[in-house]
Amino acid sequence: MDAFQPTPPEWTQRAKHALQFCCPTCGASAYDAQRVWLNRRAPVMSEDYQRKWQEFYDCECGTAWWAWSSDRPPSDLTREDS
């Protein structure tokens, strides 16, 4: 599956908006999702004129959820330079 495909996959139709950046049912991280789709065709502008997108996740518990890209927490995979 391509997270950047232009048309939304069927499973995104049942997605719930997550207020925290994790599965609203089981609390699993986005890293644990089975499938991901980014809605890059319809960006929204934030108050400070930054673009944000809907990120859709299909959790291993069976819940589909979405959150704004601007709500994603900082990655612990980034390298900090000294």
Protein backbone atom coordinates (compact mmCIF):
# COMPACT_ATOMS: atom_id res chain seq x y z
CA MET A 1 0.00 0.00 0.00
CA ASP A 2 1.22 3.46 -0.87
CA ALA A 3 0.72 6.06 1.87
CA PHE A 4 0.88 8.79 -0.81
CA GLN A 5 -1.66 7.40 -3.29
CA PRO A 6 -3.98 10.16 -4.52
CA THR A 7 -7.29 8.49 -3.68
CA PRO A 8 -8.20 7.52 -0.13
CA PRO A 9 -8.37 3.81 0.67
CA GLU A 10 -11.77 2.43 1.70
CA TRP A 11 -10.73 1.91 5.33
CA THR A 12 -10.27 5.67 5.85
CA GLN A 13 -14.06 6.16 5.59
CA ARG A 14 -14.53 4.67 9.08
CA ALA A 15 -11.69 6.66 10.71
CA LYS A 16 -12.30 8.47 14.00
CA HIS A 17 -10.60 11.75 14.84
CA ALA A 18 -8.05 11.10 17.58
CA LEU A 19 -7.60 13.98 20.00
CA GLN A 20 -4.26 12.56 21.14
CA PHE A 21 -1.80 11.34 18.49
CA CYS A 22 -2.53 7.66 19.18
CA CYS A 23 -5.30 5.14 18.65
CA PRO A 24 -8.40 6.38 20.51
CA THR A 25 -9.41 2.79 21.32
CA CYS A 26 -6.26 1.06 22.56
CA GLY A 27 -3.72 3.90 22.82
CA ALA A 28 -1.27 2.33 20.34
CA SER A 29 1.26 4.60 18.66
CA ALA A 30 1.14 5.53 14.98
CA TYR A 31 4.29 3.39 14.65
CA ASP A 32 2.15 0.31 15.39
CA ALA A 33 -0.36 0.98 12.60
CA GLN A 34 -0.90 -1.68 9.97
CA ARG A 35 -1.67 0.84 7.23
CA VAL A 36 -1.14 4.57 6.76
CA TRP A 37 -2.55 7.10 4.32
CA LEU A 38 -1.71 10.83 4.14
CA ASN A 39 -4.33 13.16 2.71
CA ARG A 40 -1.92 15.51 0.96
CA ARG A 41 -4.47 16.61 -1.62
CA ALA A 42 -6.33 18.81 0.84
CA PRO A 43 -3.91 20.72 3.07
CA VAL A 44 -5.24 23.11 5.68
CA MET A 45 -3.49 26.28 6.76
CA SER A 46 -2.90 26.79 10.47
CA GLU A 47 -3.13 30.10 12.29
CA ASP A 48 0.58 30.73 11.62
CA TYR A 49 0.22 29.90 7.90
CA GLN A 50 1.82 26.46 8.14
CA ARG A 51 0.34 23.61 6.12
CA LYS A 52 -1.03 20.58 7.87
CA TRP A 53 -2.56 17.37 6.54
CA GLN A 54 -4.80 14.63 7.80
CA GLU A 55 -2.83 11.48 8.60
CA PHE A 56 -4.89 8.29 8.65
CA TYR A 57 -3.84 5.16 10.54
CA ASP A 58 -5.37 1.69 10.62
CA CYS A 59 -4.51 0.29 14.05
CA GLU A 60 -3.80 -3.36 14.75
CA CYS A 61 -6.83 -3.36 17.11
CA GLY A 62 -9.12 -2.69 14.13
CA THR A 63 -9.74 1.02 14.76
CA ALA A 64 -9.08 3.46 11.94
CA TRP A 65 -8.14 6.91 13.21
CA TRP A 66 -6.81 10.21 11.93
CA ALA A 67 -5.03 13.24 13.36
CA TRP A 68 -3.48 16.41 12.00
CA SER A 69 0.15 16.24 10.93
CA SER A 70 0.85 19.27 13.13
CA ASP A 71 -0.22 17.26 16.21
CA ARG A 72 2.36 14.53 15.65
CA PRO A 73 4.85 14.50 18.54
CA PRO A 74 8.55 14.95 17.79
CA SER A 75 10.23 11.77 16.65
CA ASP A 76 12.60 9.99 18.98
CA LEU A 77 14.37 8.76 15.85
CA THR A 78 15.87 12.16 15.03
CA ARG A 79 19.50 12.67 15.82
CA GLU A 80 20.54 15.48 18.10
CA ASP A 81 23.81 17.14 17.17
CA SER A 82 26.04 18.28 20.00
